[in-house]
């Protein structure tokens, strides 16, 4: 079984702490998650899909932690970043599916 990346765990903890009204501890884990995402997990994005969870969790955790003071520009930037990561992962899967389809088609034409 694969383990979740550290950035995902930190942001999930930040989200849970935000729901429990422990904002200061939540912000600490949010910062840890963002730094870990940038330093460790973002470069590994194309290796496995679970590295793409952190941007979505950051998008969820920020408004919970910020509450009424949530900045719309920051929320929009986090949403845009999560969308870009989603498109990167989707593009990777599509290219793998297309390559697999062509390799199967080549095998069929060689047998004929």
PDB file of N, CA and C in Angstrom:
ATOM      1  N   UNK A   1       0.839  -1.175   0.000  1.00  0.00           N
ATOM      2  CA  UNK A   1       0.000   0.000   0.000  1.00  0.00           C
ATOM      3  C   UNK A   1       0.889   1.245   0.000  1.00  0.00           C
ATOM      4  N   UNK A   2       0.541   2.199  -0.839  1.00  0.00           N
ATOM      5  CA  UNK A   2       1.339   3.421  -0.935  1.00  0.00           C
ATOM      6  C   UNK A   2       0.968   4.386   0.191  1.00  0.00           C
ATOM      7  N   UNK A   3       1.994   5.052   0.703  1.00  0.00           N
ATOM      8  CA  UNK A   3       1.771   6.060   1.724  1.00  0.00           C
ATOM      9  C   UNK A   3       1.478   7.389   1.067  1.00  0.00           C
ATOM     10  N   UNK A   4       0.731   8.226   1.759  1.00  0.00           N
ATOM     11  CA  UNK A   4       0.470   9.569   1.261  1.00  0.00           C
ATOM     12  C   UNK A   4       1.712  10.430   1.442  1.00  0.00           C
ATOM     13  N   UNK A   5       1.939  11.359   0.535  1.00  0.00           N
ATOM     14  CA  UNK A   5       3.091  12.262   0.671  1.00  0.00           C
ATOM     15  C   UNK A   5       2.969  13.136   1.923  1.00  0.00           C
ATOM     16  N   UNK A   6       4.102  13.601   2.405  1.00  0.00           N
ATOM     17  CA  UNK A   6       4.136  14.427   3.610  1.00  0.00           C
ATOM     18  C   UNK A   6       3.325  15.707   3.437  1.00  0.00           C
ATOM     19  N   UNK A   7       3.380  16.316   2.264  1.00  0.00           N
ATOM     20  CA  UNK A   7       2.621  17.552   2.050  1.00  0.00           C
ATOM     21  C   UNK A   7       1.124  17.295   2.163  1.00  0.00           C
ATOM     22  N   UNK A   8       0.661  16.163   1.650  1.00  0.00           N
ATOM     23  CA  UNK A   8      -0.756  15.821   1.730  1.00  0.00           C
ATOM     24  C   UNK A   8      -1.169  15.600   3.180  1.00  0.00           C
ATOM     25  N   UNK A   9      -0.342  14.887   3.937  1.00  0.00           N
ATOM     26  CA  UNK A   9      -0.649  14.650   5.342  1.00  0.00           C
ATOM     27  C   UNK A   9      -0.678  15.950   6.140  1.00  0.00           C
ATOM     28  N   UNK A  10       0.273  16.838   5.877  1.00  0.00           N
ATOM     29  CA  UNK A  10       0.319  18.111   6.598  1.00  0.00           C
ATOM     30  C   UNK A  10      -0.897  18.977   6.267  1.00  0.00           C
ATOM     31  N   UNK A  11      -1.285  19.029   4.997  1.00  0.00           N
ATOM     32  CA  UNK A  11      -2.444  19.842   4.622  1.00  0.00           C
ATOM     33  C   UNK A  11      -3.746  19.221   5.103  1.00  0.00           C
ATOM     34  N   UNK A  12      -3.816  17.917   5.143  1.00  0.00           N
ATOM     35  CA  UNK A  12      -4.997  17.248   5.691  1.00  0.00           C
ATOM     36  C   UNK A  12      -5.114  17.530   7.192  1.00  0.00           C
ATOM     37  N   UNK A  13      -3.985  17.534   7.878  1.00  0.00           N
ATOM     38  CA  UNK A  13      -3.972  17.885   9.301  1.00  0.00           C
ATOM     39  C   UNK A  13      -4.385  19.336   9.499  1.00  0.00           C
ATOM     40  N   UNK A  14      -3.905  20.226   8.635  1.00  0.00           N
ATOM     41  CA  UNK A  14      -4.288  21.639   8.721  1.00  0.00           C
ATOM     42  C   UNK A  14      -5.791  21.805   8.536  1.00  0.00           C
ATOM     43  N   UNK A  15      -6.360  21.082   7.596  1.00  0.00           N
ATOM     44  CA  UNK A  15      -7.802  21.144   7.359  1.00  0.00           C
ATOM     45  C   UNK A  15      -8.570  20.653   8.591  1.00  0.00           C
ATOM     46  N   UNK A  16      -8.135  19.544   9.167  1.00  0.00           N
ATOM     47  CA  UNK A  16      -8.797  19.001  10.354  1.00  0.00           C
ATOM     48  C   UNK A  16      -8.681  19.960  11.539  1.00  0.00           C
ATOM     49  N   UNK A  17      -7.506  20.562  11.712  1.00  0.00           N
ATOM     50  CA  UNK A  17      -7.324  21.523  12.808  1.00  0.00           C
ATOM     51  C   UNK A  17      -8.179  22.766  12.592  1.00  0.00           C
ATOM     52  N   UNK A  18      -8.339  23.177  11.334  1.00  0.00           N
ATOM     53  CA  UNK A  18      -9.203  24.312  11.042  1.00  0.00           C
ATOM     54  C   UNK A  18     -10.651  24.025  11.400  1.00  0.00           C
ATOM     55  N   UNK A  19     -11.107  22.812  11.122  1.00  0.00           N
ATOM     56  CA  UNK A  19     -12.463  22.431  11.488  1.00  0.00           C
ATOM     57  C   UNK A  19     -12.648  22.361  13.005  1.00  0.00           C
ATOM     58  N   UNK A  20     -11.568  22.103  13.730  1.00  0.00           N
ATOM     59  CA  UNK A  20     -11.619  22.036  15.194  1.00  0.00           C
ATOM     60  C   UNK A  20     -11.350  23.393  15.850  1.00  0.00           C
ATOM     61  N   UNK A  21     -11.315  24.461  15.069  1.00  0.00           N
ATOM     62  CA  UNK A  21     -11.057  25.821  15.553  1.00  0.00           C
ATOM     63  C   UNK A  21      -9.698  25.977  16.218  1.00  0.00           C
ATOM     64  N   UNK A  22      -8.715  25.266  15.714  1.00  0.00           N
ATOM     65  CA  UNK A  22      -7.334  25.409  16.179  1.00  0.00           C
ATOM     66  C   UNK A  22      -6.514  26.042  15.051  1.00  0.00           C
ATOM     67  N   UNK A  23      -6.845  27.312  14.744  1.00  0.00           N
ATOM     68  CA  UNK A  23      -6.267  27.978  13.586  1.00  0.00           C
ATOM     69  C   UNK A  23      -4.757  28.127  13.652  1.00  0.00           C
ATOM     70  N   UNK A  24      -4.195  28.459  14.797  1.00  0.00           N
ATOM     71  CA  UNK A  24      -2.747  28.691  14.848  1.00  0.00           C
ATOM     72  C   UNK A  24      -1.973  27.405  14.545  1.00  0.00           C
ATOM     73  N   UNK A  25      -2.403  26.299  15.098  1.00  0.00           N
ATOM     74  CA  UNK A  25      -1.756  25.019  14.775  1.00  0.00           C
ATOM     75  C   UNK A  25      -2.047  24.638  13.328  1.00  0.00           C
ATOM     76  N   UNK A  26      -3.246  24.945  12.864  1.00  0.00           N
ATOM     77  CA  UNK A  26      -3.601  24.665  11.477  1.00  0.00           C
ATOM     78  C   UNK A  26      -2.734  25.436  10.493  1.00  0.00           C
ATOM     79  N   UNK A  27      -2.471  26.712  10.805  1.00  0.00           N
ATOM     80  CA  UNK A  27      -1.610  27.509   9.925  1.00  0.00           C
ATOM     81  C   UNK A  27      -0.184  26.960   9.906  1.00  0.00           C
ATOM     82  N   UNK A  28       0.278  26.458  11.040  1.00  0.00           N
ATOM     83  CA  UNK A  28       1.627  25.870  11.083  1.00  0.00           C
ATOM     84  C   UNK A  28       1.701  24.651  10.156  1.00  0.00           C
ATOM     85  N   UNK A  29       0.689  23.790  10.218  1.00  0.00           N
ATOM     86  CA  UNK A  29       0.679  22.631   9.333  1.00  0.00           C
ATOM     87  C   UNK A  29       0.439  23.023   7.880  1.00  0.00           C
ATOM     88  N   UNK A  30      -0.337  24.087   7.656  1.00  0.00           N
ATOM     89  CA  UNK A  30      -0.545  24.584   6.294  1.00  0.00           C
ATOM     90  C   UNK A  30       0.793  25.038   5.699  1.00  0.00           C
ATOM     91  N   UNK A  31       1.550  25.803   6.476  1.00  0.00           N
ATOM     92  CA  UNK A  31       2.872  26.246   6.013  1.00  0.00           C
ATOM     93  C   UNK A  31       3.805  25.086   5.764  1.00  0.00           C
ATOM     94  N   UNK A  32       3.811  24.115   6.662  1.00  0.00           N
ATOM     95  CA  UNK A  32       4.635  22.924   6.479  1.00  0.00           C
ATOM     96  C   UNK A  32       4.234  22.176   5.208  1.00  0.00           C
ATOM     97  N   UNK A  33       2.944  22.058   4.994  1.00  0.00           N
ATOM     98  CA  UNK A  33       2.466  21.366   3.802  1.00  0.00           C
ATOM     99  C   UNK A  33       2.848  22.072   2.518  1.00  0.00           C
ATOM    100  N   UNK A  34       2.755  23.385   2.509  1.00  0.00           N
ATOM    101  CA  UNK A  34       3.092  24.134   1.298  1.00  0.00           C
ATOM    102  C   UNK A  34       4.600  24.064   1.006  1.00  0.00           C
ATOM    103  N   UNK A  35       5.410  24.209   2.039  1.00  0.00           N
ATOM    104  CA  UNK A  35       6.866  24.128   1.840  1.00  0.00           C
ATOM    105  C   UNK A  35       7.260  22.725   1.381  1.00  0.00           C
ATOM    106  N   UNK A  36       6.658  21.716   1.992  1.00  0.00           N
ATOM    107  CA  UNK A  36       6.957  20.335   1.609  1.00  0.00           C
ATOM    108  C   UNK A  36       6.514  20.053   0.181  1.00  0.00           C
ATOM    109  N   UNK A  37       5.374  20.612  -0.213  1.00  0.00           N
ATOM    110  CA  UNK A  37       4.899  20.443  -1.587  1.00  0.00           C
ATOM    111  C   UNK A  37       5.915  21.016  -2.575  1.00  0.00           C
ATOM    112  N   UNK A  38       6.381  22.224  -2.304  1.00  0.00           N
ATOM    113  CA  UNK A  38       7.306  22.884  -3.222  1.00  0.00           C
ATOM    114  C   UNK A  38       8.655  22.167  -3.264  1.00  0.00           C
ATOM    115  N   UNK A  39       9.176  21.804  -2.101  1.00  0.00           N
ATOM    116  CA  UNK A  39      10.521  21.224  -2.037  1.00  0.00           C
ATOM    117  C   UNK A  39      10.582  19.747  -2.415  1.00  0.00           C
ATOM    118  N   UNK A  40       9.601  18.953  -1.979  1.00  0.00           N
ATOM    119  CA  UNK A  40       9.709  17.504  -2.144  1.00  0.00           C
ATOM    120  C   UNK A  40       8.732  16.899  -3.150  1.00  0.00           C
ATOM    121  N   UNK A  41       7.467  17.279  -3.056  1.00  0.00           N
ATOM    122  CA  UNK A  41       6.447  16.535  -3.782  1.00  0.00           C
ATOM    123  C   UNK A  41       6.163  17.048  -5.189  1.00  0.00           C
ATOM    124  N   UNK A  42       6.258  18.336  -5.421  1.00  0.00           N
ATOM    125  CA  UNK A  42       5.993  18.857  -6.765  1.00  0.00           C
ATOM    126  C   UNK A  42       6.943  18.277  -7.817  1.00  0.00           C
ATOM    127  N   UNK A  43       8.234  18.122  -7.515  1.00  0.00           N
ATOM    128  CA  UNK A  43       9.104  17.499  -8.519  1.00  0.00           C
ATOM    129  C   UNK A  43       8.755  16.041  -8.820  1.00  0.00           C
ATOM    130  N   UNK A  44       8.046  15.385  -7.926  1.00  0.00           N
ATOM    131  CA  UNK A  44       7.668  13.980  -8.120  1.00  0.00           C
ATOM    132  C   UNK A  44       6.273  13.820  -8.724  1.00  0.00           C
ATOM    133  N   UNK A  45       5.657  14.911  -9.146  1.00  0.00           N
ATOM    134  CA  UNK A  45       4.267  14.906  -9.606  1.00  0.00           C
ATOM    135  C   UNK A  45       4.024  13.906 -10.728  1.00  0.00           C
ATOM    136  N   UNK A  46       4.939  13.785 -11.651  1.00  0.00           N
ATOM    137  CA  UNK A  46       4.717  12.915 -12.798  1.00  0.00           C
ATOM    138  C   UNK A  46       4.987  11.443 -12.505  1.00  0.00           C
ATOM    139  N   UNK A  47       5.491  11.143 -11.329  1.00  0.00           N
ATOM    140  CA  UNK A  47       5.766   9.747 -10.981  1.00  0.00           C
ATOM    141  C   UNK A  47       4.524   9.016 -10.494  1.00  0.00           C
ATOM    142  N   UNK A  48       3.665   9.697  -9.747  1.00  0.00           N
ATOM    143  CA  UNK A  48       2.475   9.046  -9.188  1.00  0.00           C
ATOM    144  C   UNK A  48       1.383  10.089  -8.958  1.00  0.00           C
ATOM    145  N   UNK A  49       0.155   9.652  -9.068  1.00  0.00           N
ATOM    146  CA  UNK A  49      -0.983  10.572  -8.948  1.00  0.00           C
ATOM    147  C   UNK A  49      -1.167  11.135  -7.553  1.00  0.00           C
ATOM    148  N   UNK A  50      -0.821  10.371  -6.533  1.00  0.00           N
ATOM    149  CA  UNK A  50      -1.097  10.848  -5.182  1.00  0.00           C
ATOM    150  C   UNK A  50      -0.264  12.078  -4.809  1.00  0.00           C
ATOM    151  N   UNK A  51       0.732  12.412  -5.593  1.00  0.00           N
ATOM    152  CA  UNK A  51       1.464  13.654  -5.343  1.00  0.00           C
ATOM    153  C   UNK A  51       0.656  14.885  -5.751  1.00  0.00           C
ATOM    154  N   UNK A  52      -0.430  14.696  -6.458  1.00  0.00           N
ATOM    155  CA  UNK A  52      -1.271  15.807  -6.877  1.00  0.00           C
ATOM    156  C   UNK A  52      -2.381  16.152  -5.898  1.00  0.00           C
ATOM    157  N   UNK A  53      -2.452  15.480  -4.765  1.00  0.00           N
ATOM    158  CA  UNK A  53      -3.501  15.755  -3.781  1.00  0.00           C
ATOM    159  C   UNK A  53      -3.281  17.052  -3.013  1.00  0.00           C
ATOM    160  N   UNK A  54      -2.051  17.443  -2.797  1.00  0.00           N
ATOM    161  CA  UNK A  54      -1.745  18.598  -1.946  1.00  0.00           C
ATOM    162  C   UNK A  54      -2.375  19.904  -2.439  1.00  0.00           C
ATOM    163  N   UNK A  55      -2.326  20.234  -3.738  1.00  0.00           N
ATOM    164  CA  UNK A  55      -2.960  21.490  -4.155  1.00  0.00           C
ATOM    165  C   UNK A  55      -4.464  21.533  -3.889  1.00  0.00           C
ATOM    166  N   UNK A  56      -5.140  20.411  -4.064  1.00  0.00           N
ATOM    167  CA  UNK A  56      -6.581  20.375  -3.783  1.00  0.00           C
ATOM    168  C   UNK A  56      -6.847  20.549  -2.293  1.00  0.00           C
ATOM    169  N   UNK A  57      -6.023  19.921  -1.460  1.00  0.00           N
ATOM    170  CA  UNK A  57      -6.196  20.079  -0.014  1.00  0.00           C
ATOM    171  C   UNK A  57      -5.861  21.497   0.438  1.00  0.00           C
ATOM    172  N   UNK A  58      -4.884  22.125  -0.202  1.00  0.00           N
ATOM    173  CA  UNK A  58      -4.565  23.519   0.133  1.00  0.00           C
ATOM    174  C   UNK A  58      -5.748  24.422  -0.197  1.00  0.00           C
ATOM    175  N   UNK A  59      -6.397  24.146  -1.323  1.00  0.00           N
ATOM    176  CA  UNK A  59      -7.571  24.924  -1.711  1.00  0.00           C
ATOM    177  C   UNK A  59      -8.696  24.763  -0.692  1.00  0.00           C
ATOM    178  N   UNK A  60      -8.839  23.588  -0.126  1.00  0.00           N
ATOM    179  CA  UNK A  60      -9.868  23.362   0.892  1.00  0.00           C
ATOM    180  C   UNK A  60      -9.472  23.929   2.250  1.00  0.00           C
ATOM    181  N   UNK A  61      -8.206  23.800   2.623  1.00  0.00           N
ATOM    182  CA  UNK A  61      -7.759  24.196   3.960  1.00  0.00           C
ATOM    183  C   UNK A  61      -7.684  25.715   4.125  1.00  0.00           C
ATOM    184  N   UNK A  62      -7.294  26.439   3.082  1.00  0.00           N
ATOM    185  CA  UNK A  62      -7.106  27.883   3.228  1.00  0.00           C
ATOM    186  C   UNK A  62      -8.376  28.608   3.687  1.00  0.00           C
ATOM    187  N   UNK A  63      -9.532  28.421   3.019  1.00  0.00           N
ATOM    188  CA  UNK A  63     -10.723  29.140   3.495  1.00  0.00           C
ATOM    189  C   UNK A  63     -11.178  28.703   4.890  1.00  0.00           C
ATOM    190  N   UNK A  64     -10.952  27.447   5.233  1.00  0.00           N
ATOM    191  CA  UNK A  64     -11.330  26.975   6.572  1.00  0.00           C
ATOM    192  C   UNK A  64     -10.473  27.661   7.625  1.00  0.00           C
ATOM    193  N   UNK A  65      -9.176  27.797   7.357  1.00  0.00           N
ATOM    194  CA  UNK A  65      -8.282  28.430   8.325  1.00  0.00           C
ATOM    195  C   UNK A  65      -8.450  29.943   8.364  1.00  0.00           C
ATOM    196  N   UNK A  66      -8.634  30.558   7.206  1.00  0.00           N
ATOM    197  CA  UNK A  66      -8.723  32.016   7.149  1.00  0.00           C
ATOM    198  C   UNK A  66     -10.092  32.534   7.573  1.00  0.00           C
ATOM    199  N   UNK A  67     -11.121  31.734   7.398  1.00  0.00           N
ATOM    200  CA  UNK A  67     -12.463  32.157   7.800  1.00  0.00           C
ATOM    201  C   UNK A  67     -12.939  33.348   7.000  1.00  0.00           C
ATOM    202  N   UNK A  68     -13.460  34.343   7.698  1.00  0.00           N
ATOM    203  CA  UNK A  68     -14.004  35.536   7.043  1.00  0.00           C
ATOM    204  C   UNK A  68     -12.908  36.403   6.430  1.00  0.00           C
ATOM    205  N   UNK A  69     -11.668  36.235   6.865  1.00  0.00           N
ATOM    206  CA  UNK A  69     -10.558  37.029   6.320  1.00  0.00           C
ATOM    207  C   UNK A  69      -9.930  36.391   5.089  1.00  0.00           C
ATOM    208  N   UNK A  70     -10.526  35.357   4.543  1.00  0.00           N
ATOM    209  CA  UNK A  70      -9.953  34.684   3.366  1.00  0.00           C
ATOM    210  C   UNK A  70      -9.889  35.663   2.194  1.00  0.00           C
ATOM    211  N   UNK A  71      -8.715  35.752   1.609  1.00  0.00           N
ATOM    212  CA  UNK A  71      -8.485  36.643   0.473  1.00  0.00           C
ATOM    213  C   UNK A  71      -8.927  35.931  -0.808  1.00  0.00           C
ATOM    214  N   UNK A  72      -9.747  36.622  -1.584  1.00  0.00           N
ATOM    215  CA  UNK A  72     -10.267  36.033  -2.820  1.00  0.00           C
ATOM    216  C   UNK A  72      -9.143  35.753  -3.811  1.00  0.00           C
ATOM    217  N   UNK A  73      -8.155  36.621  -3.880  1.00  0.00           N
ATOM    218  CA  UNK A  73      -7.047  36.426  -4.824  1.00  0.00           C
ATOM    219  C   UNK A  73      -6.234  35.179  -4.466  1.00  0.00           C
ATOM    220  N   UNK A  74      -6.010  34.968  -3.190  1.00  0.00           N
ATOM    221  CA  UNK A  74      -5.258  33.773  -2.770  1.00  0.00           C
ATOM    222  C   UNK A  74      -6.070  32.517  -3.059  1.00  0.00           C
ATOM    223  N   UNK A  75      -7.365  32.573  -2.759  1.00  0.00           N
ATOM    224  CA  UNK A  75      -8.229  31.422  -3.045  1.00  0.00           C
ATOM    225  C   UNK A  75      -8.242  31.124  -4.540  1.00  0.00           C
ATOM    226  N   UNK A  76      -8.325  32.167  -5.364  1.00  0.00           N
ATOM    227  CA  UNK A  76      -8.315  31.983  -6.814  1.00  0.00           C
ATOM    228  C   UNK A  76      -6.979  31.396  -7.273  1.00  0.00           C
ATOM    229  N   UNK A  77      -5.878  31.875  -6.713  1.00  0.00           N
ATOM    230  CA  UNK A  77      -4.556  31.353  -7.088  1.00  0.00           C
ATOM    231  C   UNK A  77      -4.425  29.878  -6.707  1.00  0.00           C
ATOM    232  N   UNK A  78      -4.913  29.514  -5.537  1.00  0.00           N
ATOM    233  CA  UNK A  78      -4.867  28.108  -5.127  1.00  0.00           C
ATOM    234  C   UNK A  78      -5.745  27.242  -6.037  1.00  0.00           C
ATOM    235  N   UNK A  79      -6.909  27.770  -6.418  1.00  0.00           N
ATOM    236  CA  UNK A  79      -7.795  27.029  -7.321  1.00  0.00           C
ATOM    237  C   UNK A  79      -7.153  26.868  -8.693  1.00  0.00           C
ATOM    238  N   UNK A  80      -6.517  27.910  -9.177  1.00  0.00           N
ATOM    239  CA  UNK A  80      -5.847  27.845 -10.477  1.00  0.00           C
ATOM    240  C   UNK A  80      -4.695  26.842 -10.438  1.00  0.00           C
ATOM    241  N   UNK A  81      -3.948  26.853  -9.356  1.00  0.00           N
ATOM    242  CA  UNK A  81      -2.839  25.905  -9.215  1.00  0.00           C
ATOM    243  C   UNK A  81      -3.352  24.465  -9.173  1.00  0.00           C
ATOM    244  N   UNK A  82      -4.433  24.230  -8.419  1.00  0.00           N
ATOM    245  CA  UNK A  82      -5.018  22.881  -8.359  1.00  0.00           C
ATOM    246  C   UNK A  82      -5.517  22.452  -9.735  1.00  0.00           C
ATOM    247  N   UNK A  83      -6.090  23.384 -10.485  1.00  0.00           N
ATOM    248  CA  UNK A  83      -6.560  23.068 -11.840  1.00  0.00           C
ATOM    249  C   UNK A  83      -5.399  22.706 -12.761  1.00  0.00           C
ATOM    250  N   UNK A  84      -4.303  23.442 -12.678  1.00  0.00           N
ATOM    251  CA  UNK A  84      -3.127  23.145 -13.513  1.00  0.00           C
ATOM    252  C   UNK A  84      -2.568  21.763 -13.176  1.00  0.00           C
ATOM    253  N   UNK A  85      -2.481  21.441 -11.900  1.00  0.00           N
ATOM    254  CA  UNK A  85      -1.988  20.115 -11.503  1.00  0.00           C
ATOM    255  C   UNK A  85      -2.932  19.035 -12.017  1.00  0.00           C
ATOM    256  N   UNK A  86      -4.246  19.270 -11.910  1.00  0.00           N
ATOM    257  CA  UNK A  86      -5.219  18.311 -12.432  1.00  0.00           C
ATOM    258  C   UNK A  86      -5.038  18.118 -13.936  1.00  0.00           C
ATOM    259  N   UNK A  87      -4.836  19.197 -14.675  1.00  0.00           N
ATOM    260  CA  UNK A  87      -4.644  19.092 -16.125  1.00  0.00           C
ATOM    261  C   UNK A  87      -3.344  18.367 -16.470  1.00  0.00           C
ATOM    262  N   UNK A  88      -2.303  18.590 -15.688  1.00  0.00           N
ATOM    263  CA  UNK A  88      -1.043  17.879 -15.912  1.00  0.00           C
ATOM    264  C   UNK A  88      -1.242  16.376 -15.722  1.00  0.00           C
ATOM    265  N   UNK A  89      -1.918  15.999 -14.648  1.00  0.00           N
ATOM    266  CA  UNK A  89      -2.152  14.581 -14.392  1.00  0.00           C
ATOM    267  C   UNK A  89      -3.074  13.962 -15.444  1.00  0.00           C
ATOM    268  N   UNK A  90      -4.101  14.707 -15.850  1.00  0.00           N
ATOM    269  CA  UNK A  90      -5.004  14.209 -16.888  1.00  0.00           C
ATOM    270  C   UNK A  90      -4.270  14.050 -18.207  1.00  0.00           C
ATOM    271  N   UNK A  91      -3.436  15.018 -18.568  1.00  0.00           N
ATOM    272  CA  UNK A  91      -2.645  14.926 -19.795  1.00  0.00           C
ATOM    273  C   UNK A  91      -1.701  13.746 -19.770  1.00  0.00           C
ATOM    274  N   UNK A  92      -1.122  13.474 -18.614  1.00  0.00           N
ATOM    275  CA  UNK A  92      -0.228  12.322 -18.493  1.00  0.00           C
ATOM    276  C   UNK A  92      -0.983  11.018 -18.723  1.00  0.00           C
ATOM    277  N   UNK A  93      -2.149  10.918 -18.146  1.00  0.00           N
ATOM    278  CA  UNK A  93      -2.942   9.700 -18.327  1.00  0.00           C
ATOM    279  C   UNK A  93      -3.407   9.553 -19.775  1.00  0.00           C
ATOM    280  N   UNK A  94      -3.813  10.645 -20.390  1.00  0.00           N
ATOM    281  CA  UNK A  94      -4.249  10.571 -21.785  1.00  0.00           C
ATOM    282  C   UNK A  94      -3.102  10.152 -22.697  1.00  0.00           C
ATOM    283  N   UNK A  95      -1.924  10.698 -22.471  1.00  0.00           N
ATOM    284  CA  UNK A  95      -0.789  10.330 -23.319  1.00  0.00           C
ATOM    285  C   UNK A  95      -0.414   8.864 -23.128  1.00  0.00           C
ATOM    286  N   UNK A  96      -0.518   8.364 -21.895  1.00  0.00           N
ATOM    287  CA  UNK A  96      -0.232   6.949 -21.649  1.00  0.00           C
ATOM    288  C   UNK A  96      -1.273   6.061 -22.326  1.00  0.00           C
ATOM    289  N   UNK A  97      -2.540   6.474 -22.277  1.00  0.00           N
ATOM    290  CA  UNK A  97      -3.601   5.691 -22.907  1.00  0.00           C
ATOM    291  C   UNK A  97      -3.437   5.670 -24.421  1.00  0.00           C
ATOM    292  N   UNK A  98      -3.076   6.814 -25.005  1.00  0.00           N
ATOM    293  CA  UNK A  98      -2.875   6.885 -26.450  1.00  0.00           C
ATOM    294  C   UNK A  98      -1.684   6.029 -26.862  1.00  0.00           C
ATOM    295  N   UNK A  99      -0.595   6.114 -26.094  1.00  0.00           N
ATOM    296  CA  UNK A  99       0.583   5.304 -26.412  1.00  0.00           C
ATOM    297  C   UNK A  99       0.263   3.818 -26.299  1.00  0.00           C
ATOM    298  N   UNK A 100      -0.513   3.450 -25.316  1.00  0.00           N
ATOM    299  CA  UNK A 100      -0.892   2.050 -25.160  1.00  0.00           C
ATOM    300  C   UNK A 100      -1.792   1.603 -26.303  1.00  0.00           C
ATOM    301  N   UNK A 101      -2.708   2.452 -26.742  1.00  0.00           N
ATOM    302  CA  UNK A 101      -3.593   2.102 -27.851  1.00  0.00           C
ATOM    303  C   UNK A 101      -2.792   1.906 -29.139  1.00  0.00           C
ATOM    304  N   UNK A 102      -1.812   2.791 -29.389  1.00  0.00           N
ATOM    305  CA  UNK A 102      -0.997   2.647 -30.598  1.00  0.00           C
ATOM    306  C   UNK A 102      -0.118   1.408 -30.541  1.00  0.00           C
ATOM    307  N   UNK A 103       0.394   1.077 -29.362  1.00  0.00           N
ATOM    308  CA  UNK A 103       1.235  -0.113 -29.263  1.00  0.00           C
ATOM    309  C   UNK A 103       0.393  -1.369 -29.470  1.00  0.00           C
ATOM    310  N   UNK A 104      -0.837  -1.383 -29.014  1.00  0.00           N
ATOM    311  CA  UNK A 104      -1.718  -2.526 -29.253  1.00  0.00           C
ATOM    312  C   UNK A 104      -2.074  -2.621 -30.733  1.00  0.00           C
ATOM    313  N   UNK A 105      -2.313  -1.465 -31.357  1.00  0.00           N
ATOM    314  CA  UNK A 105      -2.664  -1.444 -32.771  1.00  0.00           C
ATOM    315  C   UNK A 105      -1.490  -1.932 -33.612  1.00  0.00           C
ATOM    316  N   UNK A 106      -0.285  -1.554 -33.235  1.00  0.00           N
ATOM    317  CA  UNK A 106       0.898  -2.001 -33.962  1.00  0.00           C
ATOM    318  C   UNK A 106       1.044  -3.505 -33.847  1.00  0.00           C
ATOM    319  N   UNK A 107       0.760  -4.061 -32.664  1.00  0.00           N
ATOM    320  CA  UNK A 107       0.830  -5.506 -32.483  1.00  0.00           C
ATOM    321  C   UNK A 107      -0.190  -6.236 -33.336  1.00  0.00           C
ATOM    322  N   UNK A 108      -1.363  -5.660 -33.495  1.00  0.00           N
ATOM    323  CA  UNK A 108      -2.400  -6.276 -34.313  1.00  0.00           C
ATOM    324  C   UNK A 108      -1.998  -6.268 -35.778  1.00  0.00           C
ATOM    325  N   UNK A 109      -1.464  -5.139 -36.261  1.00  0.00           N
ATOM    326  CA  UNK A 109      -1.083  -5.050 -37.684  1.00  0.00           C
ATOM    327  C   UNK A 109       0.091  -5.975 -37.992  1.00  0.00           C
ATOM    328  N   UNK A 110       0.969  -6.224 -37.028  1.00  0.00           N
ATOM    329  CA  UNK A 110       2.085  -7.125 -37.268  1.00  0.00           C
ATOM    330  C   UNK A 110       1.604  -8.575 -37.345  1.00  0.00           C
ATOM    331  N   UNK A 111       0.550  -8.897 -36.596  1.00  0.00           N
ATOM    332  CA  UNK A 111       0.019 -10.261 -36.661  1.00  0.00           C
ATOM    333  C   UNK A 111      -0.729 -10.520 -37.951  1.00  0.00           C
ATOM    334  N   UNK A 112      -1.279  -9.485 -38.542  1.00  0.00           N
ATOM    335  CA  UNK A 112      -2.044  -9.645 -39.797  1.00  0.00           C
ATOM    336  C   UNK A 112      -1.056  -9.803 -40.903  1.00  0.00           C
TER     337      UNK A 112
END
